[in-house]
Each structure stands twice: as C-alpha cells, then as structure tokens.
Protein backbone atom coordinates (compact mmCIF):
# COMPACT_ATOMS: atom_id res chain seq x y z
CA MET A 1 -50.60 -45.30 -81.95
CA THR A 2 -48.86 -46.39 -79.00
CA GLU A 3 -49.20 -48.43 -75.84
CA ALA A 4 -51.73 -46.51 -73.63
CA GLY A 5 -51.50 -45.99 -69.89
CA ARG A 6 -47.74 -45.05 -69.50
CA PHE A 7 -48.80 -41.96 -67.50
CA PRO A 8 -51.64 -41.76 -65.08
CA LYS A 9 -54.85 -40.07 -65.80
CA ILE A 10 -56.53 -37.63 -63.49
CA ASP A 11 -59.99 -36.57 -63.93
CA ASP A 12 -60.39 -34.30 -61.01
CA LYS A 13 -59.62 -30.66 -62.03
CA THR A 14 -58.31 -29.63 -58.69
CA ALA A 15 -56.07 -32.46 -58.15
CA ARG A 16 -54.69 -32.08 -61.82
CA GLU A 17 -54.11 -28.31 -61.30
CA GLU A 18 -52.90 -28.23 -57.61
CA GLY A 19 -51.49 -31.75 -57.02
CA ASN A 20 -47.89 -33.11 -57.65
CA VAL A 21 -48.71 -36.15 -59.80
CA PHE A 22 -47.43 -35.78 -63.35
CA ALA A 23 -50.58 -36.84 -65.30
CA PRO A 24 -50.23 -35.24 -68.73
CA ALA A 25 -53.78 -34.81 -70.46
CA PHE A 26 -53.32 -36.01 -73.97
CA ASP A 27 -55.86 -34.85 -76.48
CA ALA A 28 -58.23 -36.97 -78.33
CA HIS A 29 -55.57 -38.05 -80.86
CA GLY A 30 -53.17 -38.98 -77.99
CA LEU A 31 -50.99 -35.94 -78.35
CA LEU A 32 -49.64 -33.34 -76.23
CA PRO A 33 -48.37 -29.89 -77.62
CA VAL A 34 -44.76 -29.00 -76.88
CA VAL A 35 -43.06 -25.58 -77.09
CA VAL A 36 -39.27 -25.95 -77.09
CA THR A 37 -37.08 -23.09 -75.99
CA ALA A 38 -33.10 -22.59 -75.93
CA ALA A 39 -32.03 -23.16 -72.40
CA GLY A 40 -29.57 -20.28 -72.49
CA THR A 41 -31.53 -17.66 -74.27
CA GLY A 42 -35.08 -18.49 -73.81
CA GLU A 43 -35.71 -18.09 -77.57
CA VAL A 44 -38.62 -20.33 -79.08
CA LEU A 45 -37.04 -22.99 -81.14
CA MET A 46 -39.89 -25.28 -82.22
CA PHE A 47 -43.33 -26.31 -81.80
CA ALA A 48 -44.18 -30.14 -82.01
CA HIS A 49 -46.36 -32.85 -80.40
CA MET A 50 -45.59 -35.83 -78.25
CA ASN A 51 -47.61 -38.87 -77.69
CA ASP A 52 -47.12 -41.00 -74.57
CA GLU A 53 -44.11 -42.91 -76.13
CA ALA A 54 -42.26 -39.90 -77.16
CA LEU A 55 -42.74 -38.28 -73.79
CA ALA A 56 -41.67 -41.54 -72.01
CA LEU A 57 -38.61 -41.65 -74.25
CA SER A 58 -37.72 -38.03 -73.70
CA ILE A 59 -37.83 -38.48 -70.00
CA GLU A 60 -35.88 -41.62 -70.12
CA THR A 61 -33.13 -40.38 -72.39
CA GLY A 62 -33.05 -36.55 -71.84
CA GLU A 63 -33.22 -36.20 -75.68
CA ALA A 64 -36.28 -34.74 -77.31
CA HIS A 65 -38.53 -37.36 -79.17
CA PHE A 66 -41.76 -36.30 -80.89
CA TRP A 67 -44.66 -37.72 -82.83
CA SER A 68 -44.84 -36.53 -86.41
CA ARG A 69 -48.41 -36.10 -87.49
CA SER A 70 -47.44 -35.82 -91.13
CA ARG A 71 -45.60 -39.00 -91.23
CA GLU A 72 -47.44 -40.70 -88.33
CA ALA A 73 -44.15 -41.92 -86.74
CA LEU A 74 -42.09 -41.29 -83.76
CA TRP A 75 -38.85 -39.42 -84.27
CA ARG A 76 -35.89 -38.29 -82.21
CA LYS A 77 -35.00 -34.88 -82.93
CA GLY A 78 -31.69 -34.96 -84.62
CA GLU A 79 -31.71 -38.72 -85.80
CA THR A 80 -30.94 -37.51 -89.35
CA SER A 81 -29.33 -34.12 -89.07
CA GLY A 82 -27.29 -34.73 -85.81
CA ASN A 83 -29.00 -31.46 -84.37
CA VAL A 84 -30.13 -33.38 -81.16
CA LEU A 85 -32.01 -31.53 -78.31
CA ARG A 86 -30.68 -32.29 -75.03
CA ILE A 87 -33.35 -31.70 -72.48
CA VAL A 88 -32.24 -29.35 -69.57
CA GLU A 89 -35.87 -29.06 -68.10
CA ILE A 90 -39.53 -30.13 -68.74
CA ARG A 91 -42.50 -28.11 -67.35
CA ILE A 92 -46.12 -28.93 -67.64
CA ASP A 93 -48.77 -26.18 -67.66
CA CYS A 94 -51.48 -25.68 -65.07
CA ASP A 95 -53.94 -28.09 -66.56
CA GLN A 96 -51.32 -30.63 -67.71
CA ASP A 97 -52.11 -30.34 -71.41
CA ALA A 98 -49.08 -28.69 -72.94
CA LEU A 99 -45.42 -29.06 -72.40
CA TRP A 100 -42.62 -26.53 -72.28
CA ILE A 101 -38.98 -27.94 -72.80
CA LYS A 102 -35.87 -26.13 -72.27
CA ALA A 103 -33.26 -27.56 -74.23
CA GLU A 104 -29.56 -27.35 -75.42
CA MET A 105 -28.93 -27.94 -79.24
CA ALA A 106 -26.20 -30.15 -80.36
CA GLY A 107 -24.72 -30.47 -83.80
CA ALA A 108 -24.77 -27.45 -86.11
CA GLY A 109 -26.67 -25.44 -83.65
CA ALA A 110 -29.94 -25.40 -85.90
CA CYS A 111 -33.15 -26.64 -84.67
CA CYS A 112 -35.29 -26.12 -87.76
CA HIS A 113 -35.33 -28.60 -90.71
CA THR A 114 -34.73 -25.53 -92.93
CA GLY A 115 -31.24 -25.12 -91.48
CA ARG A 116 -32.11 -22.06 -89.34
CA ILE A 117 -31.59 -21.89 -85.52
CA SER A 118 -35.40 -21.52 -84.92
CA CYS A 119 -38.43 -22.63 -86.76
CA PHE A 120 -39.81 -19.03 -85.97
CA TYR A 121 -37.48 -17.15 -88.26
CA ARG A 122 -40.16 -14.95 -89.73
CA GLY A 123 -42.21 -12.22 -88.01
CA VAL A 124 -45.76 -10.89 -88.91
CA PRO A 125 -45.64 -7.01 -88.73
CA PHE A 126 -48.22 -5.20 -86.77
CA GLY A 127 -51.01 -3.70 -88.94
CA SER A 128 -50.14 -5.96 -91.92
CA LYS A 129 -52.92 -7.61 -94.10
CA ALA A 130 -53.17 -11.22 -95.37
CA GLY A 131 -50.76 -11.82 -98.07
CA GLU A 132 -48.25 -8.81 -97.08
CA PRO A 133 -44.48 -9.70 -96.74
CA LEU A 134 -43.27 -11.35 -93.35
CA VAL A 135 -40.26 -9.84 -91.68
CA GLU A 136 -37.16 -12.03 -91.75
CA VAL A 137 -35.68 -12.59 -88.36
CA HIS A 138 -33.31 -15.59 -88.20
CA THR A 139 -32.57 -16.29 -91.89
CA GLU A 140 -29.08 -17.59 -91.65
CA ARG A 141 -28.82 -21.34 -92.55
CA HIS A 142 -26.57 -23.40 -90.34
CA PHE A 143 -26.57 -26.31 -92.75
CA ASP A 144 -27.93 -27.17 -96.09
CA PRO A 145 -31.37 -29.11 -95.87
CA ALA A 146 -30.67 -30.63 -99.28
CA ALA A 147 -27.41 -32.17 -98.30
CA VAL A 148 -28.57 -33.25 -94.98
CA TYR A 149 -32.16 -34.67 -95.87
CA GLY A 150 -31.73 -35.33 -99.59
CA ASP A 151 -34.33 -32.61 -100.53
CA SER A 152 -35.09 -29.18 -99.43
CA SER A 153 -38.89 -29.41 -99.38
CA PRO A 154 -40.21 -27.30 -96.50
CA THR A 155 -43.06 -29.66 -95.79
CA ARG A 156 -40.99 -32.45 -95.02
CA LYS A 157 -40.68 -32.41 -91.08
CA ARG A 158 -37.45 -33.33 -89.26
C-alpha cells in the first residue's frame, strides 16, 4: 500500500500505553481507524481509516488525508468537494490503535459526501427491531452531491 516504517513500532505494552513516543499501531492491513469531530461543537463528523502515508500527510499539512478501502487509494478530504478538514488536534488512544481528530470544516460546511454536516445523520431508536425506520437527525444538505461529484451514489466515498 505505502512505504513502511514512517512511524516507530513499540511492542512493549507498557511503553506503548504509558510512554511519550508516538507509535501508531496499524492493523494487519496497515490501517488505523479515525474518528473526526467538529472542533467547535464536538459533534462526530465522520469515521475513516488512515494508512501511514495519510497520517504523515495529515500531520505535515494540517489537512485530513485518508485511505479509501473501497477505492484502495489515498485521498485528501475535500479534494473534489472543497469541504476540507483543517486539523486542530490529533489524539491517539491508550494503546495507539485509534485516532481522534478534532477539525474545522472549510467549504460548504458539510463533511459527508451526501452533502450533510455529519456522516452520522440518522439515529437508531431504542427498542427498535431490525428493518424499522431510522430517526433523521441532520438531513439538511449543504451541497448537491450530483453537482459536486457527478453522481449521487451513496456508495461512492469522498
């Protein structure tokens, strides 16, 4: 996928969890899960994956880059839509196998490729059963996906 070894590897659990060396523990596919929240509100905007190259570019440029598992390609958030994520802070979890990015949105103010603020725009009601309707939370679109991407397929990731 990418050049290996951009970040150190720490096998010792105590050193990884209690030390001050940034040594992300990428999974067997070379990926790290990433949760992105709005810096101002704390709202969850999206979930994605980074490989070592995406993480290095994100740290270097201050703009979020990810690895698309569906396209098997590196992408900078907003490269097509203009809805760039400017990183305010990056945090790594206790065992260094997941990231939390706090970011500010530029552009139309929508993070999701569907044109919505957040990719998490539907809720699952308590007590519901499989196949029951979801609760709409943030349904307002800030841009038309068909106009931006050329199609509005929800499976096409941005």
